[in-house]
Structure formats: C-alpha cells, structure tokens
Amino acid sequence: MTCGAGGVLDGSGVLEERERRIVAIDDPADPRVEDYVALTDVALRRRREPAEGLFIAEGERVIDRALRAGYRPRSVLVSPARLGGVPERFWSTPTHGGHGGHRESAGDDEHNGRERPDHHEAPVYVAGPAVLAQITGFEVHRGALASMCRRPLLNPVELLRVARRVLVCEDLVSHTNLGAIFRSAAGLGMDAVMLSPRCADPLYRRSVRVSMGEVFAVPYARLDPWPGALSLLGEAGFEVLALTPASDADELAVATAGPGDRVALLLGTEGQGLTSEVLATATRRVRIPMAHGVDSLNVAATAAIACYVLGVRP
C-alpha cells in the first residue's frame, strides 16, 4: 500500500518511482518494520543488529552521511511530516547492478547479513507518531530512521599498513564515549581506530548519533585475540603510547611526532583505565597533567586532547 507525499511528488517519472517505494504502516506489528522494533532495548539490539548485519541511522544528516560513505539502505522509517526530509541521496543514488539479494560476508559474525534490496528498491515506510513510538519504543523526534547494511570488518593488518595515527581502545563499553571518540578521531586527524573484542559497537544507534555520523568516516577494526594482537602495532612500525594518570608518566605535550611517524595511542576502559597487560605493551607511557587534585578526565575528553596533540591536520 502506498501513500501520497504531499508536495514531494508531482507525477513525473522519477517522482512516480519514489511514490512506488513509499509504504504506509498502520500496524506496529507489521513484519516489514521488524528492523526498527524495540530500539531502546540495548541488550536486544546489541545482540540482534550485528548478527543480522544491520544498524540504525537516526536523523536525516546521519542517514546522508551513511549513504555518502557507501553504506547501503535496507529501508527508511519516517513520519508523514518528515517524509520530505528523507535525504535526496537516498532517492538519487543509482542502483548497483548484480547485487539483488546480496548477503554480507557470512564469515564475520559482526557483519552477517540477511537479504537486502537494491538501493533503488529500498522502501520508505511512513507511520504516524503513535505507531512510530509503538514500533521503536520511544518518541521519534529526529526525523527519519534508516536501517542500513553493515559491511565486513576491516583486516587490522591491512589497516595498519596504511595508517599513521591510530587510536586503540580497550574495553570501552559506553556507546556515548565511543561515538565521541570517533568524532574526535575524524575531526582531529587520526587515521583509524582499533577496538578490543569487548568494546562497544561503533554502529550502535547512540554511538552513531553522538559521533554525528563520523563513525562512517574513520576506518576501524577489532584486534583479536586481546591483548596478543597488540603485537601487530609494533610489527607495523608504530610507537605505542599508553595514556595513564600515573604521575611518573611523561607529559603528553612532549610526545611530539612528525606527520610521517607512526603513532598508536592506547585508551583504557571507563573507570579502571588500561589493564597492566596492555600497559606493558606500550613503548612509552604518557599523561595529561591535571589540577586541583583531579585524577583524570573522562575517556572521551582525554581522547579529544590526545587527538589534538598527535593528530595530523592540514
């Protein structure tokens, strides 16, 4: 069942094609919007999204960033009032031949995928505010939601081969902190982010939203086994700096590096910081000097300062 789109449609061939893709949703139990069910259930979404090869982008700007980065849409869910805000890129990007029913790599359990439509066939589901709230579990205020296809994780060896500045995160479980770290990495000149197996999902809805879509701009990989895979940093020629509040560590400001130098910065989990096993892999320990008896900063703030000091910018 299709629905009109107000001033968006004018009967031309292109706009008729758009109208064909617009589907009204009146029942929150409609299986076609299953991707969007219970978005506030963190435990459920953390299990389901990686296993099914999808993630949720929230807001027109973030959806557009995902599309621009090459992520393929499965569908969009939007209220009638925000239908006109569906990014033009969603409608205008041409289909890629030969990919109908394509599945993401089944060899990577973070990126397994179900059948997905060609880009030009991805539907736009339109539902009223009450139905949207029943589907998602919250009142949708940021416009559109999009279910996007994940891509296979990058190979850390290949990523380290081309990167010069790398953040390495150990067991960061806060999606908010991880999203903020990706935004700092993108804006302050870091080339890549490496994650321990227990780190939060960068493509979880909150991480994506906090990063303002910058998780799509910074390549990342997971280092597994942990911490054994940290040896890849040394093998790739990186100086490994460990951020710590320890008073005997060097001040971060003196840890200068040239644009061509390879530097990896280790960031520890919220509260505990880096484990002793990970600290032992560093070639140098660095700290941010603090005042007024404050021990340390939030890990996202710490990462922003470190990225400013060590990042390479034009």
C-alpha atoms as a PDB file:
ATOM      1  CA  MET A   1       0.000   0.000   0.000  1.00  0.00           C
ATOM      2  CA  THR A   2       1.451   3.368  -0.986  1.00  0.00           C
ATOM      3  CA  CYS A   3       0.658   6.820   0.335  1.00  0.00           C
ATOM      4  CA  GLY A   4       0.995  10.313  -1.053  1.00  0.00           C
ATOM      5  CA  ALA A   5       3.923  12.538  -0.159  1.00  0.00           C
ATOM      6  CA  GLY A   6       2.382  15.986  -0.185  1.00  0.00           C
ATOM      7  CA  GLY A   7       4.455  18.458  -2.156  1.00  0.00           C
ATOM      8  CA  VAL A   8       7.228  15.929  -2.761  1.00  0.00           C
ATOM      9  CA  LEU A   9       5.505  14.182  -5.658  1.00  0.00           C
ATOM     10  CA  ASP A  10       4.367  15.740  -8.897  1.00  0.00           C
ATOM     11  CA  GLY A  11       3.591  12.790 -11.172  1.00  0.00           C
ATOM     12  CA  SER A  12       6.820  12.807 -13.195  1.00  0.00           C
ATOM     13  CA  GLY A  13       8.532   9.508 -13.901  1.00  0.00           C
ATOM     14  CA  VAL A  14      11.161   9.993 -11.205  1.00  0.00           C
ATOM     15  CA  LEU A  15       8.657  11.051  -8.586  1.00  0.00           C
ATOM     16  CA  GLU A  16       6.257   8.267  -9.507  1.00  0.00           C
ATOM     17  CA  GLU A  17       9.108   5.858  -8.814  1.00  0.00           C
ATOM     18  CA  ARG A  18       9.537   7.459  -5.402  1.00  0.00           C
ATOM     19  CA  GLU A  19       5.836   7.128  -4.700  1.00  0.00           C
ATOM     20  CA  ARG A  20       6.018   3.436  -5.559  1.00  0.00           C
ATOM     21  CA  ARG A  21       8.592   2.974  -2.814  1.00  0.00           C
ATOM     22  CA  ILE A  22       6.540   4.732  -0.122  1.00  0.00           C
ATOM     23  CA  VAL A  23       4.537   2.332   2.049  1.00  0.00           C
ATOM     24  CA  ALA A  24       2.078   3.299   4.770  1.00  0.00           C
ATOM     25  CA  ILE A  25       2.422   1.404   8.056  1.00  0.00           C
ATOM     26  CA  ASP A  26      -0.648   1.373  10.291  1.00  0.00           C
ATOM     27  CA  ASP A  27       0.113  -1.687  12.441  1.00  0.00           C
ATOM     28  CA  PRO A  28       3.167  -1.571  14.769  1.00  0.00           C
ATOM     29  CA  ALA A  29       3.357  -5.368  14.477  1.00  0.00           C
ATOM     30  CA  ASP A  30       3.796  -5.207  10.691  1.00  0.00           C
ATOM     31  CA  PRO A  31       6.745  -7.547   9.947  1.00  0.00           C
ATOM     32  CA  ARG A  32       8.066  -5.161   7.312  1.00  0.00           C
ATOM     33  CA  VAL A  33       9.286  -2.796  10.054  1.00  0.00           C
ATOM     34  CA  GLU A  34      10.859  -5.532  12.167  1.00  0.00           C
ATOM     35  CA  ASP A  35      14.282  -3.864  11.869  1.00  0.00           C
ATOM     36  CA  TYR A  36      13.026  -0.965  13.994  1.00  0.00           C
ATOM     37  CA  VAL A  37      11.337  -2.865  16.817  1.00  0.00           C
ATOM     38  CA  ALA A  38      12.398  -2.077  20.411  1.00  0.00           C
ATOM     39  CA  LEU A  39      15.241   0.308  19.600  1.00  0.00           C
ATOM     40  CA  THR A  40      15.540   1.244  23.290  1.00  0.00           C
ATOM     41  CA  ASP A  41      16.231  -2.362  24.361  1.00  0.00           C
ATOM     42  CA  VAL A  42      20.023  -2.095  24.428  1.00  0.00           C
ATOM     43  CA  ALA A  43      20.702  -5.733  25.237  1.00  0.00           C
ATOM     44  CA  LEU A  44      18.415  -6.939  22.449  1.00  0.00           C
ATOM     45  CA  ARG A  45      19.813  -4.527  19.856  1.00  0.00           C
ATOM     46  CA  ARG A  46      23.429  -5.316  20.769  1.00  0.00           C
ATOM     47  CA  ARG A  47      22.752  -8.972  20.065  1.00  0.00           C
ATOM     48  CA  ARG A  48      20.477  -8.599  17.106  1.00  0.00           C
ATOM     49  CA  GLU A  49      21.987  -5.900  14.937  1.00  0.00           C
ATOM     50  CA  PRO A  50      25.469  -7.393  14.413  1.00  0.00           C
ATOM     51  CA  ALA A  51      24.014 -10.882  13.990  1.00  0.00           C
ATOM     52  CA  GLU A  52      21.580  -9.720  11.316  1.00  0.00           C
ATOM     53  CA  GLY A  53      24.045  -7.426   9.559  1.00  0.00           C
ATOM     54  CA  LEU A  54      22.196  -4.164  10.124  1.00  0.00           C
ATOM     55  CA  PHE A  55      22.481  -0.912  12.035  1.00  0.00           C
ATOM     56  CA  ILE A  56      20.137   2.019  12.574  1.00  0.00           C
ATOM     57  CA  ALA A  57      20.966   5.549  11.448  1.00  0.00           C
ATOM     58  CA  GLU A  58      18.889   8.251  13.147  1.00  0.00           C
ATOM     59  CA  GLY A  59      18.231  11.659  11.633  1.00  0.00           C
ATOM     60  CA  GLU A  60      18.444  12.923   8.076  1.00  0.00           C
ATOM     61  CA  ARG A  61      22.014  14.196   8.408  1.00  0.00           C
ATOM     62  CA  VAL A  62      23.341  10.929   9.815  1.00  0.00           C
ATOM     63  CA  ILE A  63      21.490   8.910   7.165  1.00  0.00           C
ATOM     64  CA  ASP A  64      23.018  11.077   4.470  1.00  0.00           C
ATOM     65  CA  ARG A  65      26.488  10.569   5.967  1.00  0.00           C
ATOM     66  CA  ALA A  66      25.989   6.805   5.925  1.00  0.00           C
ATOM     67  CA  LEU A  67      24.865   6.862   2.302  1.00  0.00           C
ATOM     68  CA  ARG A  68      27.781   9.100   1.335  1.00  0.00           C
ATOM     69  CA  ALA A  69      30.159   6.629   2.986  1.00  0.00           C
ATOM     70  CA  GLY A  70      28.760   3.851   0.802  1.00  0.00           C
ATOM     71  CA  TYR A  71      26.544   2.014   3.282  1.00  0.00           C
ATOM     72  CA  ARG A  72      23.511   0.506   1.580  1.00  0.00           C
ATOM     73  CA  PRO A  73      19.995   1.078   2.925  1.00  0.00           C
ATOM     74  CA  ARG A  74      17.535  -1.664   3.737  1.00  0.00           C
ATOM     75  CA  SER A  75      14.664   0.758   4.408  1.00  0.00           C
ATOM     76  CA  VAL A  76      13.682   4.111   5.902  1.00  0.00           C
ATOM     77  CA  LEU A  77      11.022   4.696   8.575  1.00  0.00           C
ATOM     78  CA  VAL A  78       9.614   8.196   8.902  1.00  0.00           C
ATOM     79  CA  SER A  79       6.542  10.142   9.979  1.00  0.00           C
ATOM     80  CA  PRO A  80       4.388  11.812   7.300  1.00  0.00           C
ATOM     81  CA  ALA A  81       5.527  15.252   8.478  1.00  0.00           C
ATOM     82  CA  ARG A  82       9.200  14.374   7.897  1.00  0.00           C
ATOM     83  CA  LEU A  83       8.863  12.499   4.624  1.00  0.00           C
ATOM     84  CA  GLY A  84      10.160  15.496   2.712  1.00  0.00           C
ATOM     85  CA  GLY A  85      13.349  15.348   4.791  1.00  0.00           C
ATOM     86  CA  VAL A  86      14.437  11.924   3.515  1.00  0.00           C
ATOM     87  CA  PRO A  87      17.888  12.702   2.078  1.00  0.00           C
ATOM     88  CA  GLU A  88      17.981  13.313  -1.650  1.00  0.00           C
ATOM     89  CA  ARG A  89      20.949  10.971  -1.819  1.00  0.00           C
ATOM     90  CA  PHE A  90      18.655   8.113  -0.781  1.00  0.00           C
ATOM     91  CA  TRP A  91      16.408   8.699  -3.788  1.00  0.00           C
ATOM     92  CA  SER A  92      19.038   9.674  -6.337  1.00  0.00           C
ATOM     93  CA  THR A  93      21.872   7.191  -5.849  1.00  0.00           C
ATOM     94  CA  PRO A  94      21.657   4.744  -8.776  1.00  0.00           C
ATOM     95  CA  THR A  95      21.318   1.041  -8.194  1.00  0.00           C
ATOM     96  CA  HIS A  96      24.369  -1.192  -8.433  1.00  0.00           C
ATOM     97  CA  GLY A  97      23.755  -3.992 -10.876  1.00  0.00           C
ATOM     98  CA  GLY A  98      24.080  -7.579  -9.832  1.00  0.00           C
ATOM     99  CA  HIS A  99      23.572  -7.049  -6.108  1.00  0.00           C
ATOM    100  CA  GLY A 100      19.944  -8.023  -5.716  1.00  0.00           C
ATOM    101  CA  GLY A 101      19.535 -10.313  -2.719  1.00  0.00           C
ATOM    102  CA  HIS A 102      23.201  -9.888  -1.833  1.00  0.00           C
ATOM    103  CA  ARG A 103      24.265 -11.032   1.612  1.00  0.00           C
ATOM    104  CA  GLU A 104      27.042  -9.533   3.679  1.00  0.00           C
ATOM    105  CA  SER A 105      30.017 -11.754   4.401  1.00  0.00           C
ATOM    106  CA  ALA A 106      28.868 -14.717   6.471  1.00  0.00           C
ATOM    107  CA  GLY A 107      32.398 -15.293   7.693  1.00  0.00           C
ATOM    108  CA  ASP A 108      32.292 -12.337  10.107  1.00  0.00           C
ATOM    109  CA  ASP A 109      29.853 -12.658  12.975  1.00  0.00           C
ATOM    110  CA  GLU A 110      29.713  -8.862  13.406  1.00  0.00           C
ATOM    111  CA  HIS A 111      28.607  -8.340   9.833  1.00  0.00           C
ATOM    112  CA  ASN A 112      26.461 -11.305   8.880  1.00  0.00           C
ATOM    113  CA  GLY A 113      23.582 -10.110   6.761  1.00  0.00           C
ATOM    114  CA  ARG A 114      20.157 -11.013   5.519  1.00  0.00           C
ATOM    115  CA  GLU A 115      18.893 -10.423   2.029  1.00  0.00           C
ATOM    116  CA  ARG A 116      18.875  -6.771   1.165  1.00  0.00           C
ATOM    117  CA  PRO A 117      17.195  -4.841  -1.625  1.00  0.00           C
ATOM    118  CA  ASP A 118      18.938  -2.964  -4.358  1.00  0.00           C
ATOM    119  CA  HIS A 119      19.417   0.658  -3.379  1.00  0.00           C
ATOM    120  CA  HIS A 120      16.686   1.897  -5.710  1.00  0.00           C
ATOM    121  CA  GLU A 121      14.198  -0.594  -4.248  1.00  0.00           C
ATOM    122  CA  ALA A 122      14.711   0.171  -0.550  1.00  0.00           C
ATOM    123  CA  PRO A 123      11.252   1.103   0.763  1.00  0.00           C
ATOM    124  CA  VAL A 124      10.275   4.179   2.742  1.00  0.00           C
ATOM    125  CA  TYR A 125       7.853   3.205   5.494  1.00  0.00           C
ATOM    126  CA  VAL A 126       5.611   6.023   6.692  1.00  0.00           C
ATOM    127  CA  ALA A 127       3.884   5.790  10.072  1.00  0.00           C
ATOM    128  CA  GLY A 128       2.152   8.267  12.340  1.00  0.00           C
ATOM    129  CA  PRO A 129       3.811   9.363  15.593  1.00  0.00           C
ATOM    130  CA  ALA A 130       1.840   6.954  17.779  1.00  0.00           C
ATOM    131  CA  VAL A 131       2.647   3.970  15.580  1.00  0.00           C
ATOM    132  CA  LEU A 132       6.303   5.033  15.370  1.00  0.00           C
ATOM    133  CA  ALA A 133       6.507   5.144  19.163  1.00  0.00           C
ATOM    134  CA  GLN A 134       4.957   1.687  19.461  1.00  0.00           C
ATOM    135  CA  ILE A 135       7.405   0.252  16.928  1.00  0.00           C
ATOM    136  CA  THR A 136      10.586   1.830  18.244  1.00  0.00           C
ATOM    137  CA  GLY A 137       9.838   2.202  21.942  1.00  0.00           C
ATOM    138  CA  PHE A 138      10.357   5.982  22.004  1.00  0.00           C
ATOM    139  CA  GLU A 139       9.004   9.180  20.510  1.00  0.00           C
ATOM    140  CA  VAL A 140      10.936   9.827  17.315  1.00  0.00           C
ATOM    141  CA  HIS A 141      11.975  13.492  17.278  1.00  0.00           C
ATOM    142  CA  ARG A 142      14.997  13.422  14.954  1.00  0.00           C
ATOM    143  CA  GLY A 143      13.123  12.831  11.733  1.00  0.00           C
ATOM    144  CA  ALA A 144      13.828   9.680   9.768  1.00  0.00           C
ATOM    145  CA  LEU A 145      15.287   6.369  10.853  1.00  0.00           C
ATOM    146  CA  ALA A 146      17.108   4.149   8.378  1.00  0.00           C
ATOM    147  CA  SER A 147      18.060   0.508   8.599  1.00  0.00           C
ATOM    148  CA  MET A 148      21.429   0.152   6.895  1.00  0.00           C
ATOM    149  CA  CYS A 149      23.534  -2.834   5.847  1.00  0.00           C
ATOM    150  CA  ARG A 150      26.767  -3.442   7.705  1.00  0.00           C
ATOM    151  CA  ARG A 151      29.965  -4.173   5.857  1.00  0.00           C
ATOM    152  CA  PRO A 152      32.581  -6.798   6.704  1.00  0.00           C
ATOM    153  CA  LEU A 153      35.077  -5.696   9.325  1.00  0.00           C
ATOM    154  CA  LEU A 154      38.390  -4.463   8.006  1.00  0.00           C
ATOM    155  CA  ASN A 155      41.515  -6.543   8.387  1.00  0.00           C
ATOM    156  CA  PRO A 156      43.665  -4.883  11.101  1.00  0.00           C
ATOM    157  CA  VAL A 157      46.916  -5.820   9.364  1.00  0.00           C
ATOM    158  CA  GLU A 158      45.838  -4.129   6.151  1.00  0.00           C
ATOM    159  CA  LEU A 159      44.520  -1.093   8.011  1.00  0.00           C
ATOM    160  CA  LEU A 160      47.737  -0.643   9.991  1.00  0.00           C
ATOM    161  CA  ARG A 161      49.714  -0.857   6.784  1.00  0.00           C
ATOM    162  CA  VAL A 162      48.259   2.432   5.521  1.00  0.00           C
ATOM    163  CA  ALA A 163      47.566   4.329   8.782  1.00  0.00           C
ATOM    164  CA  ARG A 164      49.925   6.743  10.544  1.00  0.00           C
ATOM    165  CA  ARG A 165      47.891   7.789  13.578  1.00  0.00           C
ATOM    166  CA  VAL A 166      45.778   5.193  15.374  1.00  0.00           C
ATOM    167  CA  LEU A 167      43.619   5.125  18.499  1.00  0.00           C
ATOM    168  CA  VAL A 168      43.444   1.768  20.283  1.00  0.00           C
ATOM    169  CA  CYS A 169      40.539   1.303  22.715  1.00  0.00           C
ATOM    170  CA  GLU A 170      40.438  -1.340  25.432  1.00  0.00           C
ATOM    171  CA  ASP A 171      37.005  -2.484  26.609  1.00  0.00           C
ATOM    172  CA  LEU A 172      35.151   0.815  26.182  1.00  0.00           C
ATOM    173  CA  VAL A 173      31.555  -0.160  26.888  1.00  0.00           C
ATOM    174  CA  SER A 174      29.862   3.248  26.700  1.00  0.00           C
ATOM    175  CA  HIS A 175      28.324   3.884  23.296  1.00  0.00           C
ATOM    176  CA  THR A 176      28.311   7.603  24.103  1.00  0.00           C
ATOM    177  CA  ASN A 177      32.034   7.693  24.819  1.00  0.00           C
ATOM    178  CA  LEU A 178      32.860   5.609  21.774  1.00  0.00           C
ATOM    179  CA  GLY A 179      30.832   7.863  19.494  1.00  0.00           C
ATOM    180  CA  ALA A 180      32.554  10.951  20.907  1.00  0.00           C
ATOM    181  CA  ILE A 181      35.958   9.329  20.397  1.00  0.00           C
ATOM    182  CA  PHE A 182      35.203   8.602  16.753  1.00  0.00           C
ATOM    183  CA  ARG A 183      34.137  12.212  16.245  1.00  0.00           C
ATOM    184  CA  SER A 184      37.406  13.456  17.761  1.00  0.00           C
ATOM    185  CA  ALA A 185      39.398  10.988  15.680  1.00  0.00           C
ATOM    186  CA  ALA A 186      37.742  12.212  12.490  1.00  0.00           C
ATOM    187  CA  GLY A 187      37.967  15.904  13.248  1.00  0.00           C
ATOM    188  CA  LEU A 188      41.467  15.985  14.731  1.00  0.00           C
ATOM    189  CA  GLY A 189      43.435  13.938  12.251  1.00  0.00           C
ATOM    190  CA  MET A 190      43.540  10.287  13.295  1.00  0.00           C
ATOM    191  CA  ASP A 191      43.592   7.653  10.557  1.00  0.00           C
ATOM    192  CA  ALA A 192      41.994   4.640  12.241  1.00  0.00           C
ATOM    193  CA  VAL A 193      40.556   3.187  15.434  1.00  0.00           C
ATOM    194  CA  MET A 194      41.361  -0.276  16.765  1.00  0.00           C
ATOM    195  CA  LEU A 195      38.952  -1.926  19.198  1.00  0.00           C
ATOM    196  CA  SER A 196      39.362  -4.738  21.685  1.00  0.00           C
ATOM    197  CA  PRO A 197      36.778  -7.536  21.321  1.00  0.00           C
ATOM    198  CA  ARG A 198      34.782  -6.264  24.325  1.00  0.00           C
ATOM    199  CA  CYS A 199      34.460  -2.683  23.091  1.00  0.00           C
ATOM    200  CA  ALA A 200      31.005  -1.324  22.335  1.00  0.00           C
ATOM    201  CA  ASP A 201      29.625  -1.403  18.817  1.00  0.00           C
ATOM    202  CA  PRO A 202      30.555   1.766  16.869  1.00  0.00           C
ATOM    203  CA  LEU A 203      27.464   1.291  14.701  1.00  0.00           C
ATOM    204  CA  TYR A 204      25.019   1.139  17.587  1.00  0.00           C
ATOM    205  CA  ARG A 205      22.426   3.908  17.236  1.00  0.00           C
ATOM    206  CA  ARG A 206      23.714   6.031  20.121  1.00  0.00           C
ATOM    207  CA  SER A 207      27.334   5.771  19.010  1.00  0.00           C
ATOM    208  CA  VAL A 208      26.407   6.838  15.503  1.00  0.00           C
ATOM    209  CA  ARG A 209      24.276   9.723  16.767  1.00  0.00           C
ATOM    210  CA  VAL A 210      26.886  11.069  19.223  1.00  0.00           C
ATOM    211  CA  SER A 211      29.564  10.899  16.542  1.00  0.00           C
ATOM    212  CA  MET A 212      27.264  12.831  14.156  1.00  0.00           C
ATOM    213  CA  GLY A 213      27.952  10.111  11.611  1.00  0.00           C
ATOM    214  CA  GLU A 214      31.746  10.340  11.895  1.00  0.00           C
ATOM    215  CA  VAL A 215      31.911   6.617  12.658  1.00  0.00           C
ATOM    216  CA  PHE A 216      31.424   6.271   8.917  1.00  0.00           C
ATOM    217  CA  ALA A 217      34.461   8.448   8.188  1.00  0.00           C
ATOM    218  CA  VAL A 218      37.078   6.679  10.319  1.00  0.00           C
ATOM    219  CA  PRO A 219      38.033   3.093   9.399  1.00  0.00           C
ATOM    220  CA  TYR A 220      38.143   0.668  12.305  1.00  0.00           C
ATOM    221  CA  ALA A 221      38.999  -2.929  13.046  1.00  0.00           C
ATOM    222  CA  ARG A 222      38.915  -5.265  16.027  1.00  0.00           C
ATOM    223  CA  LEU A 223      42.114  -6.693  17.479  1.00  0.00           C
ATOM    224  CA  ASP A 224      41.611 -10.321  18.401  1.00  0.00           C
ATOM    225  CA  PRO A 225      42.982 -12.130  20.373  1.00  0.00           C
ATOM    226  CA  TRP A 226      43.378  -9.480  23.026  1.00  0.00           C
ATOM    227  CA  PRO A 227      45.885  -8.313  24.122  1.00  0.00           C
ATOM    228  CA  GLY A 228      48.057 -10.579  21.972  1.00  0.00           C
ATOM    229  CA  ALA A 229      47.056  -8.846  18.735  1.00  0.00           C
ATOM    230  CA  LEU A 230      48.604  -5.612  20.014  1.00  0.00           C
ATOM    231  CA  SER A 231      51.884  -7.033  18.714  1.00  0.00           C
ATOM    232  CA  LEU A 232      50.625  -6.038  15.256  1.00  0.00           C
ATOM    233  CA  LEU A 233      51.292  -2.403  16.184  1.00  0.00           C
ATOM    234  CA  GLY A 234      54.992  -2.985  16.729  1.00  0.00           C
ATOM    235  CA  GLU A 235      55.242  -5.182  13.660  1.00  0.00           C
ATOM    236  CA  ALA A 236      53.774  -2.321  11.591  1.00  0.00           C
ATOM    237  CA  GLY A 237      56.336   0.129  12.964  1.00  0.00           C
ATOM    238  CA  PHE A 238      54.174   2.065  15.427  1.00  0.00           C
ATOM    239  CA  GLU A 239      55.390   3.779  18.543  1.00  0.00           C
ATOM    240  CA  VAL A 240      52.814   2.758  21.139  1.00  0.00           C
ATOM    241  CA  LEU A 241      51.807   5.381  23.702  1.00  0.00           C
ATOM    242  CA  ALA A 242      49.685   4.421  26.692  1.00  0.00           C
ATOM    243  CA  LEU A 243      47.564   7.132  28.315  1.00  0.00           C
ATOM    244  CA  THR A 244      47.615   6.810  32.089  1.00  0.00           C
ATOM    245  CA  PRO A 245      47.126   9.129  35.098  1.00  0.00           C
ATOM    246  CA  ALA A 246      50.315   7.758  36.678  1.00  0.00           C
ATOM    247  CA  SER A 247      52.479  10.600  37.984  1.00  0.00           C
ATOM    248  CA  ASP A 248      55.701   9.075  36.645  1.00  0.00           C
ATOM    249  CA  ALA A 249      54.445   9.019  33.041  1.00  0.00           C
ATOM    250  CA  ASP A 250      55.705  11.602  30.536  1.00  0.00           C
ATOM    251  CA  GLU A 251      53.526  14.600  29.792  1.00  0.00           C
ATOM    252  CA  LEU A 252      51.536  14.129  26.614  1.00  0.00           C
ATOM    253  CA  ALA A 253      52.628  17.535  25.308  1.00  0.00           C
ATOM    254  CA  VAL A 254      56.234  16.359  24.911  1.00  0.00           C
ATOM    255  CA  ALA A 255      55.220  13.268  22.928  1.00  0.00           C
ATOM    256  CA  THR A 256      55.595  15.026  19.606  1.00  0.00           C
ATOM    257  CA  ALA A 257      55.736  13.146  16.321  1.00  0.00           C
ATOM    258  CA  GLY A 258      56.265  14.130  12.709  1.00  0.00           C
ATOM    259  CA  PRO A 259      53.491  13.769  10.120  1.00  0.00           C
ATOM    260  CA  GLY A 260      55.090  10.650   8.699  1.00  0.00           C
ATOM    261  CA  ASP A 261      55.716   8.947  12.052  1.00  0.00           C
ATOM    262  CA  ARG A 262      53.516   6.074  13.081  1.00  0.00           C
ATOM    263  CA  VAL A 263      51.944   6.538  16.493  1.00  0.00           C
ATOM    264  CA  ALA A 264      49.321   4.414  18.246  1.00  0.00           C
ATOM    265  CA  LEU A 265      47.599   5.701  21.379  1.00  0.00           C
ATOM    266  CA  LEU A 266      46.154   3.250  23.905  1.00  0.00           C
ATOM    267  CA  LEU A 267      42.940   4.284  25.719  1.00  0.00           C
ATOM    268  CA  GLY A 268      41.595   2.303  28.654  1.00  0.00           C
ATOM    269  CA  THR A 269      38.115   1.421  29.796  1.00  0.00           C
ATOM    270  CA  GLU A 270      35.978   3.834  31.775  1.00  0.00           C
ATOM    271  CA  GLY A 271      36.999   3.853  35.422  1.00  0.00           C
ATOM    272  CA  GLN A 272      39.707   1.212  35.507  1.00  0.00           C
ATOM    273  CA  GLY A 273      41.778   2.507  32.621  1.00  0.00           C
ATOM    274  CA  LEU A 274      44.269   0.310  30.818  1.00  0.00           C
ATOM    275  CA  THR A 275      44.992  -3.118  32.255  1.00  0.00           C
ATOM    276  CA  SER A 276      48.521  -3.924  33.356  1.00  0.00           C
ATOM    277  CA  GLU A 277      48.883  -6.388  30.470  1.00  0.00           C
ATOM    278  CA  VAL A 278      48.117  -3.673  27.936  1.00  0.00           C
ATOM    279  CA  LEU A 279      50.266  -1.076  29.679  1.00  0.00           C
ATOM    280  CA  ALA A 280      53.175  -3.496  29.404  1.00  0.00           C
ATOM    281  CA  THR A 281      52.915  -3.472  25.601  1.00  0.00           C
ATOM    282  CA  ALA A 282      53.484   0.296  25.358  1.00  0.00           C
ATOM    283  CA  THR A 283      56.808   1.761  24.315  1.00  0.00           C
ATOM    284  CA  ARG A 284      56.016   4.886  26.354  1.00  0.00           C
ATOM    285  CA  ARG A 285      53.500   5.963  28.990  1.00  0.00           C
ATOM    286  CA  VAL A 286      52.016   9.471  28.755  1.00  0.00           C
ATOM    287  CA  ARG A 287      49.676  11.545  30.895  1.00  0.00           C
ATOM    288  CA  ILE A 288      47.662  14.741  30.774  1.00  0.00           C
ATOM    289  CA  PRO A 289      48.688  16.960  33.725  1.00  0.00           C
ATOM    290  CA  MET A 290      45.749  17.728  35.990  1.00  0.00           C
ATOM    291  CA  ALA A 291      44.978  20.475  38.519  1.00  0.00           C
ATOM    292  CA  HIS A 292      43.037  20.849  41.792  1.00  0.00           C
ATOM    293  CA  GLY A 293      43.533  17.232  42.774  1.00  0.00           C
ATOM    294  CA  VAL A 294      41.523  15.867  39.841  1.00  0.00           C
ATOM    295  CA  ASP A 295      42.848  12.423  38.942  1.00  0.00           C
ATOM    296  CA  SER A 296      41.850  12.219  35.284  1.00  0.00           C
ATOM    297  CA  LEU A 297      39.305  13.193  32.665  1.00  0.00           C
ATOM    298  CA  ASN A 298      36.526  11.213  31.071  1.00  0.00           C
ATOM    299  CA  VAL A 299      37.979   8.918  28.410  1.00  0.00           C
ATOM    300  CA  ALA A 300      36.229  10.791  25.597  1.00  0.00           C
ATOM    301  CA  ALA A 301      37.667  14.130  26.770  1.00  0.00           C
ATOM    302  CA  THR A 302      41.084  12.527  27.180  1.00  0.00           C
ATOM    303  CA  ALA A 303      40.912  11.152  23.652  1.00  0.00           C
ATOM    304  CA  ALA A 304      39.987  14.573  22.249  1.00  0.00           C
ATOM    305  CA  ILE A 305      43.013  16.209  23.856  1.00  0.00           C
ATOM    306  CA  ALA A 306      45.320  13.422  22.716  1.00  0.00           C
ATOM    307  CA  CYS A 307      43.971  13.577  19.169  1.00  0.00           C
ATOM    308  CA  TYR A 308      44.572  17.325  19.127  1.00  0.00           C
ATOM    309  CA  VAL A 309      48.191  16.841  20.229  1.00  0.00           C
ATOM    310  CA  LEU A 310      49.022  13.888  17.989  1.00  0.00           C
ATOM    311  CA  GLY A 311      46.645  14.137  15.015  1.00  0.00           C
ATOM    312  CA  VAL A 312      47.759  15.213  11.566  1.00  0.00           C
ATOM    313  CA  ARG A 313      45.703  18.071  10.111  1.00  0.00           C
ATOM    314  CA  PRO A 314      46.120  20.253   7.018  1.00  0.00           C
END
